[in-house]
Every structure is written in structure tokens, then in C-alpha cells.
């Protein structure tokens, strides 16, 4: 994965994480591991959403 793409993914994740925290919530360890896989390029955005939703159901 290109460093720029990884950096952009990290920025998106940081923004989303901040939004979640402003709402008074925190991400659990399982979701953080899924996010880490997304930032590294192991999964795409659709998989990120699917895995994240399935982890909270």
C-alpha cells in the first residue's frame, strides 16, 4: 500500500473516532483491531463497515 493512501485512511479513521468520542462513546478493542486492518490496507472500506457492524450485533 502506498504511504499516502495509508495516511489518508488514518486521517479518516481519526476523524471518525473523534466524532464517536464527541458523542460520548468509545470503540472497543475488537473494533480497533478491525480499524487497524483497514489502515494497513488489509481490508477495504466496505469490509470495514461490514466487520464493524457485525462486531456490535
N, C-alpha and C. Protein backbone atom coordinates (compact mmCIF):
# COMPACT_ATOMS: atom_id res chain seq x y z
N UNK A 1 0.85 -1.18 0.00
CA UNK A 1 0.00 0.00 0.00
C UNK A 1 0.89 1.23 0.00
N UNK A 2 0.48 2.22 -0.73
CA UNK A 2 1.20 3.49 -0.82
C UNK A 2 1.03 4.24 0.50
N UNK A 3 2.12 4.86 0.95
CA UNK A 3 2.11 5.57 2.23
C UNK A 3 1.04 6.65 2.26
N UNK A 4 0.83 7.35 1.13
CA UNK A 4 -0.20 8.40 1.09
C UNK A 4 -1.58 7.83 1.35
N UNK A 5 -1.87 6.68 0.75
CA UNK A 5 -3.18 6.06 0.94
C UNK A 5 -3.36 5.64 2.41
N UNK A 6 -2.32 5.09 3.00
CA UNK A 6 -2.39 4.71 4.40
C UNK A 6 -2.59 5.94 5.28
N UNK A 7 -1.92 7.03 4.96
CA UNK A 7 -2.06 8.26 5.71
C UNK A 7 -3.49 8.81 5.60
N UNK A 8 -4.05 8.75 4.39
CA UNK A 8 -5.42 9.21 4.20
C UNK A 8 -6.41 8.35 4.98
N UNK A 9 -6.19 7.05 4.96
CA UNK A 9 -7.06 6.16 5.73
C UNK A 9 -6.97 6.47 7.22
N UNK A 10 -5.76 6.72 7.69
CA UNK A 10 -5.58 7.04 9.11
C UNK A 10 -6.30 8.34 9.46
N UNK A 11 -6.22 9.34 8.59
CA UNK A 11 -6.92 10.60 8.84
C UNK A 11 -8.43 10.40 8.91
N UNK A 12 -8.98 9.58 8.00
CA UNK A 12 -10.42 9.30 8.02
C UNK A 12 -10.82 8.60 9.32
N UNK A 13 -10.01 7.64 9.72
CA UNK A 13 -10.28 6.90 10.95
C UNK A 13 -10.21 7.83 12.16
N UNK A 14 -9.20 8.67 12.20
CA UNK A 14 -9.05 9.60 13.33
C UNK A 14 -10.25 10.54 13.42
N UNK A 15 -10.72 11.02 12.28
CA UNK A 15 -11.89 11.90 12.26
C UNK A 15 -13.12 11.16 12.79
N UNK A 16 -13.34 9.95 12.30
CA UNK A 16 -14.49 9.16 12.73
C UNK A 16 -14.40 8.82 14.21
N UNK A 17 -13.21 8.46 14.68
CA UNK A 17 -13.02 8.13 16.09
C UNK A 17 -13.33 9.35 16.96
N UNK A 18 -12.88 10.52 16.52
CA UNK A 18 -13.17 11.75 17.26
C UNK A 18 -14.65 12.04 17.33
N UNK A 19 -15.34 11.80 16.23
CA UNK A 19 -16.80 12.00 16.19
C UNK A 19 -17.50 11.07 17.18
N UNK A 20 -17.07 9.82 17.19
CA UNK A 20 -17.65 8.84 18.12
C UNK A 20 -17.41 9.29 19.56
N UNK A 21 -16.21 9.74 19.84
CA UNK A 21 -15.88 10.18 21.21
C UNK A 21 -16.67 11.42 21.61
N UNK A 22 -16.90 12.33 20.67
CA UNK A 22 -17.70 13.52 20.98
C UNK A 22 -19.14 13.14 21.34
N UNK A 23 -19.61 12.04 20.80
CA UNK A 23 -20.95 11.55 21.11
C UNK A 23 -20.98 10.80 22.45
N UNK A 24 -19.82 10.65 23.07
CA UNK A 24 -19.76 10.02 24.38
C UNK A 24 -19.53 8.52 24.36
N UNK A 25 -19.08 8.02 23.21
CA UNK A 25 -18.84 6.58 23.08
C UNK A 25 -17.36 6.31 22.90
N UNK A 26 -16.98 5.05 23.06
CA UNK A 26 -15.61 4.62 22.83
C UNK A 26 -15.64 3.34 22.01
N UNK A 27 -14.64 3.17 21.18
CA UNK A 27 -14.55 1.96 20.38
C UNK A 27 -13.90 0.85 21.21
N UNK A 28 -14.43 -0.35 21.08
CA UNK A 28 -13.86 -1.47 21.83
C UNK A 28 -12.62 -2.00 21.11
N UNK A 29 -11.91 -2.90 21.77
CA UNK A 29 -10.65 -3.42 21.24
C UNK A 29 -10.86 -4.17 19.92
N UNK A 30 -11.95 -4.89 19.80
CA UNK A 30 -12.22 -5.64 18.58
C UNK A 30 -12.40 -4.69 17.39
N UNK A 31 -13.14 -3.62 17.60
CA UNK A 31 -13.33 -2.64 16.53
C UNK A 31 -12.03 -1.94 16.20
N UNK A 32 -11.22 -1.64 17.19
CA UNK A 32 -9.92 -1.00 16.95
C UNK A 32 -9.03 -1.91 16.10
N UNK A 33 -9.08 -3.23 16.33
CA UNK A 33 -8.29 -4.16 15.51
C UNK A 33 -8.78 -4.17 14.06
N UNK A 34 -10.10 -4.08 13.87
CA UNK A 34 -10.66 -4.01 12.52
C UNK A 34 -10.19 -2.73 11.83
N UNK A 35 -10.22 -1.63 12.56
CA UNK A 35 -9.78 -0.34 12.01
C UNK A 35 -8.30 -0.41 11.62
N UNK A 36 -7.50 -1.04 12.46
CA UNK A 36 -6.07 -1.17 12.17
C UNK A 36 -5.86 -1.94 10.85
N UNK A 37 -6.65 -2.97 10.63
CA UNK A 37 -6.56 -3.74 9.38
C UNK A 37 -6.91 -2.85 8.18
N UNK A 38 -7.89 -1.99 8.35
CA UNK A 38 -8.28 -1.06 7.28
C UNK A 38 -7.15 -0.08 6.97
N UNK A 39 -6.58 0.50 8.01
CA UNK A 39 -5.50 1.48 7.81
C UNK A 39 -4.31 0.82 7.11
N UNK A 40 -4.00 -0.42 7.45
CA UNK A 40 -2.88 -1.14 6.84
C UNK A 40 -3.17 -1.57 5.41
N UNK A 41 -4.45 -1.50 4.99
CA UNK A 41 -4.81 -1.89 3.64
C UNK A 41 -5.18 -3.35 3.50
N UNK A 42 -5.34 -4.05 4.63
CA UNK A 42 -5.70 -5.46 4.59
C UNK A 42 -7.16 -5.67 4.19
N UNK A 43 -8.00 -4.69 4.45
CA UNK A 43 -9.41 -4.73 4.08
C UNK A 43 -9.79 -3.38 3.48
N UNK A 44 -10.87 -3.38 2.69
CA UNK A 44 -11.32 -2.12 2.10
C UNK A 44 -12.43 -1.50 2.94
N UNK A 45 -12.93 -0.36 2.50
CA UNK A 45 -13.94 0.37 3.27
C UNK A 45 -15.22 -0.42 3.48
N UNK A 46 -15.65 -1.15 2.44
CA UNK A 46 -16.87 -1.97 2.58
C UNK A 46 -16.69 -3.05 3.63
N UNK A 47 -15.51 -3.69 3.62
CA UNK A 47 -15.24 -4.73 4.62
C UNK A 47 -15.15 -4.13 6.02
N UNK A 48 -14.58 -2.94 6.12
CA UNK A 48 -14.50 -2.24 7.40
C UNK A 48 -15.89 -2.06 7.99
N UNK A 49 -16.80 -1.57 7.17
CA UNK A 49 -18.17 -1.34 7.63
C UNK A 49 -18.84 -2.65 8.02
N UNK A 50 -18.73 -3.65 7.15
CA UNK A 50 -19.36 -4.94 7.39
C UNK A 50 -18.84 -5.58 8.68
N UNK A 51 -17.53 -5.62 8.85
CA UNK A 51 -16.94 -6.22 10.04
C UNK A 51 -17.29 -5.43 11.30
N UNK A 52 -17.27 -4.12 11.19
CA UNK A 52 -17.60 -3.28 12.34
C UNK A 52 -19.03 -3.48 12.79
N UNK A 53 -19.94 -3.50 11.83
CA UNK A 53 -21.36 -3.71 12.17
C UNK A 53 -21.60 -5.10 12.76
N UNK A 54 -20.95 -6.10 12.21
CA UNK A 54 -21.15 -7.45 12.72
C UNK A 54 -20.56 -7.62 14.12
N UNK A 55 -19.56 -6.82 14.45
CA UNK A 55 -18.94 -6.95 15.77
C UNK A 55 -19.81 -6.34 16.87
N UNK A 56 -20.76 -5.48 16.50
CA UNK A 56 -21.60 -4.86 17.54
C UNK A 56 -23.00 -5.48 17.61
N UNK A 57 -23.28 -6.41 16.73
CA UNK A 57 -24.62 -7.02 16.74
C UNK A 57 -24.68 -8.21 17.64
